[in-house]
N, C-alpha and C. Protein backbone atom coordinates (compact mmCIF):
# COMPACT_ATOMS: atom_id res chain seq x y z
N MET A 1 -236.58 20.49 6.84
CA MET A 1 -236.19 21.75 6.21
C MET A 1 -234.68 21.73 5.96
N ASP A 2 -234.27 22.18 4.79
CA ASP A 2 -232.85 22.14 4.46
C ASP A 2 -232.10 23.26 5.21
N PRO A 3 -230.79 23.10 5.42
CA PRO A 3 -230.02 24.05 6.22
C PRO A 3 -230.05 25.49 5.70
N VAL A 4 -229.99 25.66 4.39
CA VAL A 4 -229.98 27.01 3.83
C VAL A 4 -231.30 27.72 4.14
N THR A 5 -232.39 27.01 4.03
CA THR A 5 -233.70 27.59 4.35
C THR A 5 -233.77 27.97 5.82
N ARG A 6 -233.25 27.10 6.70
CA ARG A 6 -233.24 27.41 8.14
C ARG A 6 -232.45 28.70 8.40
N VAL A 7 -231.29 28.82 7.78
CA VAL A 7 -230.47 30.02 7.95
C VAL A 7 -231.24 31.25 7.48
N ARG A 8 -231.87 31.16 6.34
CA ARG A 8 -232.63 32.30 5.81
C ARG A 8 -233.78 32.67 6.73
N GLU A 9 -234.41 31.67 7.34
CA GLU A 9 -235.50 31.95 8.26
C GLU A 9 -235.00 32.66 9.52
N HIS A 10 -233.82 32.28 10.00
CA HIS A 10 -233.23 32.98 11.14
C HIS A 10 -233.01 34.46 10.80
N PHE A 11 -232.44 34.71 9.64
CA PHE A 11 -232.20 36.10 9.22
C PHE A 11 -233.51 36.87 9.10
N ALA A 12 -234.50 36.25 8.48
CA ALA A 12 -235.78 36.92 8.28
C ALA A 12 -236.45 37.24 9.61
N GLU A 13 -236.40 36.30 10.56
CA GLU A 13 -237.00 36.54 11.87
C GLU A 13 -236.25 37.61 12.64
N SER A 14 -234.93 37.61 12.53
CA SER A 14 -234.13 38.63 13.21
C SER A 14 -234.44 40.02 12.66
N ILE A 15 -234.52 40.14 11.35
CA ILE A 15 -234.85 41.43 10.72
C ILE A 15 -236.24 41.89 11.14
N ALA A 16 -237.20 40.98 11.12
CA ALA A 16 -238.58 41.33 11.49
C ALA A 16 -238.66 41.77 12.94
N THR A 17 -237.91 41.11 13.83
CA THR A 17 -237.92 41.47 15.25
C THR A 17 -237.35 42.87 15.44
N LYS A 18 -236.26 43.16 14.76
CA LYS A 18 -235.66 44.50 14.87
C LYS A 18 -236.61 45.56 14.32
N GLN A 19 -237.24 45.27 13.20
CA GLN A 19 -238.16 46.26 12.61
C GLN A 19 -239.36 46.52 13.52
N SER A 20 -239.88 45.49 14.16
CA SER A 20 -241.02 45.71 15.05
C SER A 20 -240.60 46.37 16.36
N ALA A 21 -239.33 46.20 16.75
CA ALA A 21 -238.85 46.78 18.01
C ALA A 21 -238.54 48.26 17.89
N VAL A 22 -238.15 48.72 16.72
CA VAL A 22 -237.60 50.08 16.61
C VAL A 22 -238.58 51.14 17.08
N GLU A 23 -239.84 51.03 16.73
CA GLU A 23 -240.82 52.04 17.17
C GLU A 23 -241.09 51.93 18.67
N ALA A 24 -241.08 50.70 19.17
CA ALA A 24 -241.41 50.48 20.58
C ALA A 24 -240.33 50.97 21.53
N ILE A 25 -239.06 50.93 21.10
CA ILE A 25 -237.98 51.18 22.08
C ILE A 25 -237.05 52.34 21.74
N SER A 26 -237.24 53.01 20.61
CA SER A 26 -236.31 54.08 20.23
C SER A 26 -236.23 55.20 21.28
N GLU A 27 -237.39 55.62 21.79
CA GLU A 27 -237.39 56.70 22.78
C GLU A 27 -236.72 56.26 24.07
N SER A 28 -236.93 55.03 24.47
CA SER A 28 -236.28 54.51 25.68
C SER A 28 -234.76 54.44 25.50
N ILE A 29 -234.32 54.04 24.33
CA ILE A 29 -232.87 53.99 24.07
C ILE A 29 -232.28 55.40 24.16
N ALA A 30 -232.95 56.36 23.56
CA ALA A 30 -232.46 57.75 23.61
C ALA A 30 -232.41 58.25 25.05
N ALA A 31 -233.44 57.92 25.85
CA ALA A 31 -233.46 58.34 27.26
C ALA A 31 -232.33 57.67 28.04
N ALA A 32 -232.08 56.40 27.76
CA ALA A 32 -230.99 55.69 28.43
C ALA A 32 -229.63 56.28 28.05
N GLY A 33 -229.46 56.60 26.79
CA GLY A 33 -228.21 57.22 26.35
C GLY A 33 -227.97 58.55 27.04
N ALA A 34 -229.03 59.34 27.20
CA ALA A 34 -228.90 60.62 27.90
C ALA A 34 -228.57 60.41 29.37
N LEU A 35 -229.20 59.43 30.00
CA LEU A 35 -228.94 59.13 31.41
C LEU A 35 -227.50 58.70 31.62
N MET A 36 -227.01 57.82 30.77
CA MET A 36 -225.63 57.35 30.90
C MET A 36 -224.63 58.46 30.62
N SER A 37 -224.90 59.26 29.61
CA SER A 37 -224.00 60.37 29.27
C SER A 37 -223.91 61.35 30.42
N ARG A 38 -225.04 61.67 31.01
CA ARG A 38 -225.07 62.60 32.15
C ARG A 38 -224.25 62.04 33.31
N ALA A 39 -224.39 60.75 33.59
CA ALA A 39 -223.61 60.13 34.67
C ALA A 39 -222.11 60.24 34.41
N LEU A 40 -221.70 59.96 33.18
CA LEU A 40 -220.28 60.04 32.84
C LEU A 40 -219.76 61.47 32.92
N LEU A 41 -220.57 62.43 32.49
CA LEU A 41 -220.17 63.84 32.56
C LEU A 41 -220.09 64.34 34.01
N GLU A 42 -220.80 63.66 34.91
CA GLU A 42 -220.77 64.02 36.34
C GLU A 42 -219.75 63.19 37.10
N ASP A 43 -218.78 62.62 36.38
CA ASP A 43 -217.70 61.83 36.97
C ASP A 43 -218.18 60.50 37.54
N GLY A 44 -219.26 59.98 36.99
CA GLY A 44 -219.74 58.67 37.40
C GLY A 44 -219.22 57.59 36.47
N LYS A 45 -219.61 56.38 36.74
CA LYS A 45 -219.21 55.22 35.92
C LYS A 45 -220.43 54.35 35.66
N ILE A 46 -220.27 53.39 34.78
CA ILE A 46 -221.36 52.48 34.46
C ILE A 46 -220.92 51.06 34.81
N LEU A 47 -221.66 50.44 35.72
CA LEU A 47 -221.46 49.04 36.07
C LEU A 47 -222.49 48.22 35.30
N SER A 48 -222.10 47.06 34.80
CA SER A 48 -223.03 46.25 34.01
C SER A 48 -223.01 44.80 34.46
N CYS A 49 -224.16 44.14 34.31
CA CYS A 49 -224.23 42.73 34.72
C CYS A 49 -225.30 41.99 33.94
N GLY A 50 -225.16 40.68 33.92
CA GLY A 50 -226.10 39.78 33.27
C GLY A 50 -225.54 38.37 33.33
N ASN A 51 -226.31 37.39 32.92
CA ASN A 51 -225.91 35.99 32.96
C ASN A 51 -225.84 35.42 31.55
N GLY A 52 -224.91 34.50 31.32
CA GLY A 52 -224.82 33.83 30.03
C GLY A 52 -224.55 34.80 28.90
N GLY A 53 -225.41 34.79 27.88
CA GLY A 53 -225.25 35.73 26.77
C GLY A 53 -225.33 37.17 27.23
N SER A 54 -226.13 37.43 28.25
CA SER A 54 -226.25 38.79 28.79
C SER A 54 -224.98 39.20 29.52
N ALA A 55 -224.24 38.23 30.09
CA ALA A 55 -222.93 38.53 30.67
C ALA A 55 -221.98 38.98 29.56
N GLY A 56 -222.04 38.26 28.43
CA GLY A 56 -221.23 38.66 27.28
C GLY A 56 -221.58 40.05 26.81
N ASP A 57 -222.88 40.38 26.80
CA ASP A 57 -223.32 41.72 26.38
C ASP A 57 -222.82 42.78 27.35
N SER A 58 -222.84 42.48 28.65
CA SER A 58 -222.36 43.47 29.62
C SER A 58 -220.86 43.73 29.43
N GLN A 59 -220.11 42.68 29.12
CA GLN A 59 -218.68 42.84 28.86
C GLN A 59 -218.44 43.57 27.54
N HIS A 60 -219.24 43.27 26.54
CA HIS A 60 -219.13 43.97 25.26
C HIS A 60 -219.33 45.47 25.47
N PHE A 61 -220.38 45.83 26.21
CA PHE A 61 -220.65 47.25 26.46
C PHE A 61 -219.49 47.93 27.18
N SER A 62 -219.01 47.32 28.26
CA SER A 62 -217.95 47.98 29.03
C SER A 62 -216.67 48.09 28.21
N SER A 63 -216.39 47.11 27.36
CA SER A 63 -215.17 47.20 26.54
C SER A 63 -215.26 48.33 25.52
N GLU A 64 -216.47 48.56 24.98
CA GLU A 64 -216.64 49.66 24.01
C GLU A 64 -216.42 51.01 24.68
N LEU A 65 -216.79 51.13 25.97
CA LEU A 65 -216.57 52.39 26.67
C LEU A 65 -215.13 52.53 27.12
N LEU A 66 -214.58 51.49 27.73
CA LEU A 66 -213.21 51.58 28.25
C LEU A 66 -212.17 51.77 27.15
N ASN A 67 -212.38 51.13 26.02
CA ASN A 67 -211.43 51.27 24.91
C ASN A 67 -211.92 52.34 23.95
N ARG A 68 -212.77 51.98 23.05
CA ARG A 68 -213.36 52.93 22.10
C ARG A 68 -214.50 52.23 21.38
N PHE A 69 -215.41 53.04 20.85
CA PHE A 69 -216.47 52.49 20.00
C PHE A 69 -216.08 52.80 18.56
N GLU A 70 -216.59 53.89 17.99
CA GLU A 70 -216.21 54.25 16.62
C GLU A 70 -215.42 55.55 16.55
N MET A 71 -215.40 56.29 17.63
CA MET A 71 -214.63 57.55 17.69
C MET A 71 -213.36 57.35 18.49
N GLU A 72 -212.31 58.05 18.10
CA GLU A 72 -211.11 58.09 18.94
C GLU A 72 -211.41 59.01 20.12
N ARG A 73 -211.19 58.51 21.31
CA ARG A 73 -211.45 59.29 22.52
C ARG A 73 -210.76 58.60 23.69
N PRO A 74 -210.60 59.33 24.79
CA PRO A 74 -210.09 58.66 26.00
C PRO A 74 -211.09 57.62 26.48
N GLY A 75 -210.60 56.65 27.22
CA GLY A 75 -211.49 55.63 27.76
C GLY A 75 -212.48 56.22 28.74
N LEU A 76 -213.65 55.62 28.79
CA LEU A 76 -214.70 56.06 29.71
C LEU A 76 -214.87 55.01 30.79
N PRO A 77 -215.19 55.43 32.03
CA PRO A 77 -215.23 54.48 33.16
C PRO A 77 -216.44 53.56 33.12
N ALA A 78 -216.18 52.29 32.89
CA ALA A 78 -217.21 51.26 32.85
C ALA A 78 -216.61 49.96 33.34
N MET A 79 -217.46 49.14 33.95
CA MET A 79 -216.96 47.88 34.52
C MET A 79 -218.04 46.81 34.43
N ALA A 80 -217.69 45.68 33.84
CA ALA A 80 -218.60 44.53 33.82
C ALA A 80 -218.38 43.74 35.11
N LEU A 81 -219.45 43.47 35.83
CA LEU A 81 -219.37 42.76 37.10
C LEU A 81 -219.36 41.24 36.91
N THR A 82 -219.12 40.81 35.70
CA THR A 82 -219.20 39.40 35.32
C THR A 82 -217.84 38.75 35.10
N THR A 83 -216.75 39.49 35.26
CA THR A 83 -215.46 39.04 34.73
C THR A 83 -214.46 38.54 35.76
N ASP A 84 -214.63 38.86 37.03
CA ASP A 84 -213.64 38.49 38.05
C ASP A 84 -214.03 37.15 38.66
N SER A 85 -213.41 36.08 38.18
CA SER A 85 -213.82 34.74 38.62
C SER A 85 -213.58 34.52 40.11
N SER A 86 -212.55 35.12 40.67
CA SER A 86 -212.30 34.95 42.11
C SER A 86 -213.40 35.62 42.93
N THR A 87 -213.81 36.82 42.52
CA THR A 87 -214.90 37.50 43.22
C THR A 87 -216.20 36.73 43.07
N LEU A 88 -216.52 36.33 41.85
CA LEU A 88 -217.78 35.63 41.60
C LEU A 88 -217.86 34.33 42.39
N THR A 89 -216.79 33.56 42.39
CA THR A 89 -216.83 32.26 43.08
C THR A 89 -216.77 32.43 44.59
N SER A 90 -216.08 33.43 45.08
CA SER A 90 -216.04 33.61 46.54
C SER A 90 -217.40 34.05 47.07
N ILE A 91 -218.07 34.95 46.35
CA ILE A 91 -219.41 35.37 46.79
C ILE A 91 -220.38 34.19 46.70
N SER A 92 -220.29 33.44 45.60
CA SER A 92 -221.17 32.27 45.45
C SER A 92 -220.94 31.26 46.56
N ASN A 93 -219.69 31.04 46.92
CA ASN A 93 -219.34 30.05 47.92
C ASN A 93 -219.70 30.51 49.33
N ASP A 94 -219.38 31.76 49.66
CA ASP A 94 -219.58 32.25 51.02
C ASP A 94 -221.00 32.71 51.29
N TYR A 95 -221.70 33.16 50.25
CA TYR A 95 -223.06 33.68 50.41
C TYR A 95 -224.01 32.91 49.50
N ALA A 96 -224.22 33.42 48.30
CA ALA A 96 -225.12 32.76 47.36
C ALA A 96 -224.87 33.33 45.98
N TYR A 97 -225.14 32.51 44.95
CA TYR A 97 -224.99 32.98 43.58
C TYR A 97 -225.87 34.20 43.32
N GLU A 98 -227.00 34.27 43.99
CA GLU A 98 -227.93 35.40 43.81
C GLU A 98 -227.32 36.73 44.25
N GLU A 99 -226.21 36.68 45.00
CA GLU A 99 -225.59 37.91 45.52
C GLU A 99 -224.36 38.36 44.72
N ILE A 100 -224.02 37.64 43.64
CA ILE A 100 -222.73 37.92 42.99
C ILE A 100 -222.63 39.35 42.43
N PHE A 101 -223.74 39.92 42.01
CA PHE A 101 -223.70 41.28 41.48
C PHE A 101 -224.03 42.32 42.56
N SER A 102 -224.98 42.01 43.43
CA SER A 102 -225.40 43.00 44.43
C SER A 102 -224.27 43.35 45.39
N LYS A 103 -223.46 42.37 45.79
CA LYS A 103 -222.34 42.68 46.69
C LYS A 103 -221.32 43.58 46.00
N GLN A 104 -221.10 43.36 44.71
CA GLN A 104 -220.17 44.23 43.97
C GLN A 104 -220.75 45.64 43.81
N VAL A 105 -222.04 45.73 43.55
CA VAL A 105 -222.68 47.04 43.40
C VAL A 105 -222.57 47.82 44.71
N ARG A 106 -222.83 47.15 45.83
CA ARG A 106 -222.75 47.83 47.13
C ARG A 106 -221.33 48.29 47.43
N ALA A 107 -220.33 47.55 46.97
CA ALA A 107 -218.94 47.91 47.22
C ALA A 107 -218.42 49.00 46.28
N LEU A 108 -218.88 48.98 45.04
CA LEU A 108 -218.29 49.85 44.01
C LEU A 108 -219.19 51.00 43.56
N GLY A 109 -220.50 50.86 43.74
CA GLY A 109 -221.43 51.84 43.19
C GLY A 109 -221.67 53.03 44.10
N ARG A 110 -222.02 54.15 43.47
CA ARG A 110 -222.35 55.38 44.20
C ARG A 110 -223.11 56.29 43.24
N ASP A 111 -223.74 57.29 43.80
CA ASP A 111 -224.34 58.35 42.99
C ASP A 111 -223.18 59.16 42.40
N PRO A 112 -223.10 59.42 41.10
CA PRO A 112 -224.11 59.33 40.05
C PRO A 112 -223.96 58.13 39.11
N ASP A 113 -223.41 57.02 39.58
CA ASP A 113 -223.19 55.86 38.72
C ASP A 113 -224.50 55.30 38.19
N VAL A 114 -224.38 54.52 37.12
CA VAL A 114 -225.53 53.84 36.50
C VAL A 114 -225.25 52.35 36.46
N LEU A 115 -226.27 51.55 36.75
CA LEU A 115 -226.19 50.11 36.57
C LEU A 115 -226.88 49.74 35.27
N LEU A 116 -226.17 49.05 34.38
CA LEU A 116 -226.78 48.46 33.18
C LEU A 116 -227.11 47.01 33.53
N ALA A 117 -228.39 46.72 33.71
CA ALA A 117 -228.86 45.40 34.14
C ALA A 117 -229.50 44.69 32.94
N ILE A 118 -228.95 43.53 32.57
CA ILE A 118 -229.39 42.86 31.35
C ILE A 118 -229.95 41.48 31.68
N SER A 119 -231.18 41.22 31.25
CA SER A 119 -231.81 39.90 31.42
C SER A 119 -232.89 39.75 30.36
N THR A 120 -232.79 38.75 29.51
CA THR A 120 -233.79 38.59 28.45
C THR A 120 -235.17 38.33 29.03
N SER A 121 -235.23 37.60 30.15
CA SER A 121 -236.52 37.28 30.77
C SER A 121 -236.96 38.33 31.77
N GLY A 122 -236.00 39.06 32.33
CA GLY A 122 -236.30 39.99 33.41
C GLY A 122 -236.47 39.30 34.75
N ASN A 123 -236.14 38.02 34.82
CA ASN A 123 -236.37 37.25 36.05
C ASN A 123 -235.09 36.77 36.73
N SER A 124 -233.94 37.18 36.26
CA SER A 124 -232.69 36.72 36.87
C SER A 124 -232.58 37.29 38.29
N GLU A 125 -232.55 36.40 39.27
CA GLU A 125 -232.56 36.85 40.67
C GLU A 125 -231.34 37.69 41.00
N ASN A 126 -230.17 37.29 40.50
CA ASN A 126 -228.97 38.07 40.84
C ASN A 126 -229.00 39.47 40.20
N VAL A 127 -229.64 39.60 39.06
CA VAL A 127 -229.78 40.92 38.43
C VAL A 127 -230.83 41.74 39.19
N CYS A 128 -231.91 41.10 39.59
CA CYS A 128 -232.92 41.80 40.41
C CYS A 128 -232.29 42.36 41.68
N ARG A 129 -231.48 41.55 42.35
CA ARG A 129 -230.83 42.00 43.58
C ARG A 129 -229.83 43.12 43.31
N ALA A 130 -229.20 43.08 42.15
CA ALA A 130 -228.28 44.17 41.78
C ALA A 130 -229.03 45.48 41.63
N ILE A 131 -230.24 45.44 41.06
CA ILE A 131 -231.05 46.65 40.92
C ILE A 131 -231.39 47.22 42.29
N THR A 132 -231.80 46.36 43.21
CA THR A 132 -232.11 46.82 44.57
C THR A 132 -230.88 47.44 45.22
N ALA A 133 -229.73 46.80 45.06
CA ALA A 133 -228.48 47.33 45.62
C ALA A 133 -228.11 48.68 45.00
N ALA A 134 -228.34 48.80 43.71
CA ALA A 134 -228.04 50.07 43.03
C ALA A 134 -228.88 51.20 43.61
N HIS A 135 -230.14 50.95 43.83
CA HIS A 135 -231.00 51.98 44.43
C HIS A 135 -230.54 52.34 45.84
N GLU A 136 -230.10 51.34 46.59
CA GLU A 136 -229.57 51.60 47.94
C GLU A 136 -228.36 52.52 47.89
N ARG A 137 -227.59 52.44 46.81
CA ARG A 137 -226.37 53.26 46.67
C ARG A 137 -226.63 54.57 45.94
N GLY A 138 -227.88 54.88 45.66
CA GLY A 138 -228.22 56.14 45.00
C GLY A 138 -227.98 56.13 43.50
N MET A 139 -227.88 54.95 42.91
CA MET A 139 -227.62 54.82 41.48
C MET A 139 -228.93 54.75 40.70
N LYS A 140 -228.83 55.09 39.42
CA LYS A 140 -229.94 54.89 38.50
C LYS A 140 -229.68 53.61 37.71
N VAL A 141 -230.72 53.08 37.10
CA VAL A 141 -230.63 51.80 36.40
C VAL A 141 -231.13 51.95 34.97
N VAL A 142 -230.38 51.36 34.04
CA VAL A 142 -230.85 51.13 32.68
C VAL A 142 -230.98 49.62 32.55
N ALA A 143 -232.17 49.14 32.19
CA ALA A 143 -232.42 47.70 32.10
C ALA A 143 -232.72 47.31 30.67
N LEU A 144 -232.08 46.24 30.22
CA LEU A 144 -232.40 45.64 28.92
C LEU A 144 -233.10 44.32 29.21
N THR A 145 -234.36 44.22 28.77
CA THR A 145 -235.15 43.03 29.02
C THR A 145 -235.87 42.62 27.74
N GLY A 146 -236.77 41.66 27.88
CA GLY A 146 -237.62 41.21 26.79
C GLY A 146 -238.91 40.64 27.36
N ARG A 147 -239.66 39.97 26.51
CA ARG A 147 -240.92 39.35 26.92
C ARG A 147 -241.82 40.34 27.64
N ASP A 148 -242.25 40.01 28.89
CA ASP A 148 -243.12 40.92 29.65
C ASP A 148 -242.35 41.74 30.67
N GLY A 149 -241.03 41.71 30.61
CA GLY A 149 -240.20 42.46 31.55
C GLY A 149 -239.88 41.73 32.83
N GLY A 150 -240.60 40.67 33.12
CA GLY A 150 -240.31 39.83 34.28
C GLY A 150 -240.42 40.57 35.61
N ARG A 151 -239.79 40.01 36.63
CA ARG A 151 -239.83 40.60 37.97
C ARG A 151 -239.07 41.92 38.06
N MET A 152 -238.12 42.11 37.16
CA MET A 152 -237.37 43.37 37.16
C MET A 152 -238.30 44.56 36.97
N ALA A 153 -239.40 44.37 36.23
CA ALA A 153 -240.32 45.47 35.93
C ALA A 153 -240.95 46.06 37.19
N GLU A 154 -240.94 45.29 38.28
CA GLU A 154 -241.51 45.78 39.54
C GLU A 154 -240.51 46.56 40.38
N LEU A 155 -239.26 46.63 39.96
CA LEU A 155 -238.20 47.16 40.82
C LEU A 155 -237.73 48.57 40.46
N TYR A 156 -238.16 49.10 39.34
CA TYR A 156 -237.59 50.37 38.86
C TYR A 156 -238.10 51.56 39.66
N SER A 157 -237.22 52.56 39.75
CA SER A 157 -237.63 53.85 40.30
C SER A 157 -238.04 54.75 39.13
N ASP A 158 -238.56 55.92 39.45
CA ASP A 158 -239.02 56.84 38.40
C ASP A 158 -237.88 57.32 37.51
N ASP A 159 -236.66 57.30 38.01
CA ASP A 159 -235.51 57.80 37.24
C ASP A 159 -234.85 56.73 36.38
N ASP A 160 -235.27 55.49 36.51
CA ASP A 160 -234.68 54.39 35.75
C ASP A 160 -235.27 54.33 34.35
N VAL A 161 -234.57 53.63 33.46
CA VAL A 161 -235.05 53.44 32.08
C VAL A 161 -235.02 51.96 31.75
N GLU A 162 -236.18 51.41 31.40
CA GLU A 162 -236.24 50.04 30.92
C GLU A 162 -236.38 50.05 29.40
N ILE A 163 -235.57 49.23 28.75
CA ILE A 163 -235.68 49.03 27.31
C ILE A 163 -236.10 47.58 27.11
N ARG A 164 -237.39 47.38 26.88
CA ARG A 164 -237.97 46.03 26.81
C ARG A 164 -238.22 45.65 25.35
N VAL A 165 -237.50 44.66 24.88
CA VAL A 165 -237.64 44.20 23.50
C VAL A 165 -238.95 43.42 23.37
N PRO A 166 -239.81 43.82 22.44
CA PRO A 166 -241.10 43.15 22.28
C PRO A 166 -240.96 41.85 21.49
N ALA A 167 -240.37 40.85 22.15
CA ALA A 167 -240.17 39.54 21.53
C ALA A 167 -240.13 38.50 22.65
N SER A 168 -240.30 37.25 22.29
CA SER A 168 -240.30 36.19 23.30
C SER A 168 -239.16 35.19 23.11
N ARG A 169 -238.56 35.15 21.95
CA ARG A 169 -237.49 34.18 21.69
C ARG A 169 -236.15 34.76 22.16
N THR A 170 -235.45 34.03 23.01
CA THR A 170 -234.23 34.54 23.63
C THR A 170 -233.21 35.01 22.60
N ALA A 171 -232.98 34.23 21.57
CA ALA A 171 -231.97 34.61 20.57
C ALA A 171 -232.32 35.95 19.92
N ARG A 172 -233.58 36.16 19.60
CA ARG A 172 -234.00 37.41 18.96
C ARG A 172 -233.86 38.58 19.94
N ILE A 173 -234.20 38.38 21.20
CA ILE A 173 -234.04 39.44 22.20
C ILE A 173 -232.57 39.82 22.32
N GLN A 174 -231.70 38.82 22.38
CA GLN A 174 -230.27 39.09 22.51
C GLN A 174 -229.73 39.83 21.29
N GLU A 175 -230.23 39.51 20.11
CA GLU A 175 -229.78 40.21 18.91
C GLU A 175 -230.17 41.68 18.96
N VAL A 176 -231.37 41.98 19.44
CA VAL A 176 -231.77 43.38 19.57
C VAL A 176 -230.98 44.05 20.69
N HIS A 177 -230.70 43.33 21.78
CA HIS A 177 -229.88 43.90 22.84
C HIS A 177 -228.53 44.38 22.32
N LEU A 178 -227.94 43.63 21.40
CA LEU A 178 -226.65 44.04 20.84
C LEU A 178 -226.79 45.34 20.05
N VAL A 179 -227.85 45.48 19.28
CA VAL A 179 -228.07 46.74 18.55
C VAL A 179 -228.26 47.89 19.55
N ILE A 180 -229.01 47.63 20.62
CA ILE A 180 -229.22 48.66 21.65
C ILE A 180 -227.89 49.08 22.25
N ILE A 181 -227.04 48.12 22.57
CA ILE A 181 -225.73 48.44 23.15
C ILE A 181 -224.94 49.33 22.21
N HIS A 182 -224.95 49.03 20.93
CA HIS A 182 -224.23 49.88 19.97
C HIS A 182 -224.87 51.27 19.88
N CYS A 183 -226.19 51.35 19.94
CA CYS A 183 -226.87 52.67 19.96
C CYS A 183 -226.44 53.47 21.18
N LEU A 184 -226.40 52.82 22.35
CA LEU A 184 -226.01 53.52 23.58
C LEU A 184 -224.58 54.03 23.48
N CYS A 185 -223.68 53.20 22.95
CA CYS A 185 -222.29 53.64 22.79
C CYS A 185 -222.20 54.85 21.86
N ASP A 186 -222.94 54.81 20.77
CA ASP A 186 -222.95 55.93 19.82
C ASP A 186 -223.52 57.19 20.47
N LEU A 187 -224.62 57.06 21.21
CA LEU A 187 -225.23 58.22 21.86
C LEU A 187 -224.29 58.81 22.90
N ILE A 188 -223.61 57.97 23.64
CA ILE A 188 -222.64 58.45 24.64
C ILE A 188 -221.51 59.21 23.95
N ASP A 189 -220.94 58.62 22.90
CA ASP A 189 -219.84 59.28 22.18
C ASP A 189 -220.26 60.62 21.61
N THR A 190 -221.40 60.66 20.94
CA THR A 190 -221.80 61.90 20.28
C THR A 190 -222.25 62.95 21.29
N THR A 191 -222.78 62.53 22.43
CA THR A 191 -223.16 63.48 23.47
C THR A 191 -221.93 64.07 24.14
N ILE A 192 -220.99 63.23 24.49
CA ILE A 192 -219.81 63.70 25.23
C ILE A 192 -218.83 64.43 24.33
N LEU A 193 -218.65 63.92 23.10
CA LEU A 193 -217.64 64.50 22.21
C LEU A 193 -218.24 65.45 21.18
N GLY A 194 -219.54 65.34 20.95
CA GLY A 194 -220.19 66.18 19.93
C GLY A 194 -219.93 65.65 18.54
N GLY A 195 -220.74 66.09 17.61
CA GLY A 195 -220.56 65.72 16.20
C GLY A 195 -221.08 64.34 15.90
N ASP A 196 -220.90 63.92 14.67
CA ASP A 196 -221.35 62.61 14.21
C ASP A 196 -220.15 61.78 13.83
N VAL A 197 -220.29 60.48 13.96
CA VAL A 197 -219.22 59.57 13.56
C VAL A 197 -219.22 59.43 12.06
């Protein structure tokens, strides 16, 4: 297959995945936006975590809140648990890589904070442990997953929101996760500040 055709197929598959996902996850995205907005209005913060591309997504989300998304506004309290190399390597070295997020959640999280837990497979052990730690600290969880939801699907409380992308290919799930992150940022901005962008 020639390169141009391959590129076009990637675009076509990405568009089709987004179109099939919109009906399945729109209500969950709206519920997650309301949950996060409520936490921020109650003087809470949003902690986020994930591995690889999902680590990048967690940092993308926190930067949009701390700086700005599309509206001019004061920064909102958010923190990606993926960025402090000294913390990550010390926890990995002294304990285990599976604890890199849960130890941070236990140290930094509290009610009414929210954990944004991102895993395309839903099986990342360190993200699963972060969810358990969040519940121990009285936090609610918004989870971005794909496929069948993985082991994370067994960990949610009634107050948590899972946004599960109905796709199996990692790249396509990650592309929808980015749209979800932008939707959440928009919902937070319009809820807290009012009006439309």
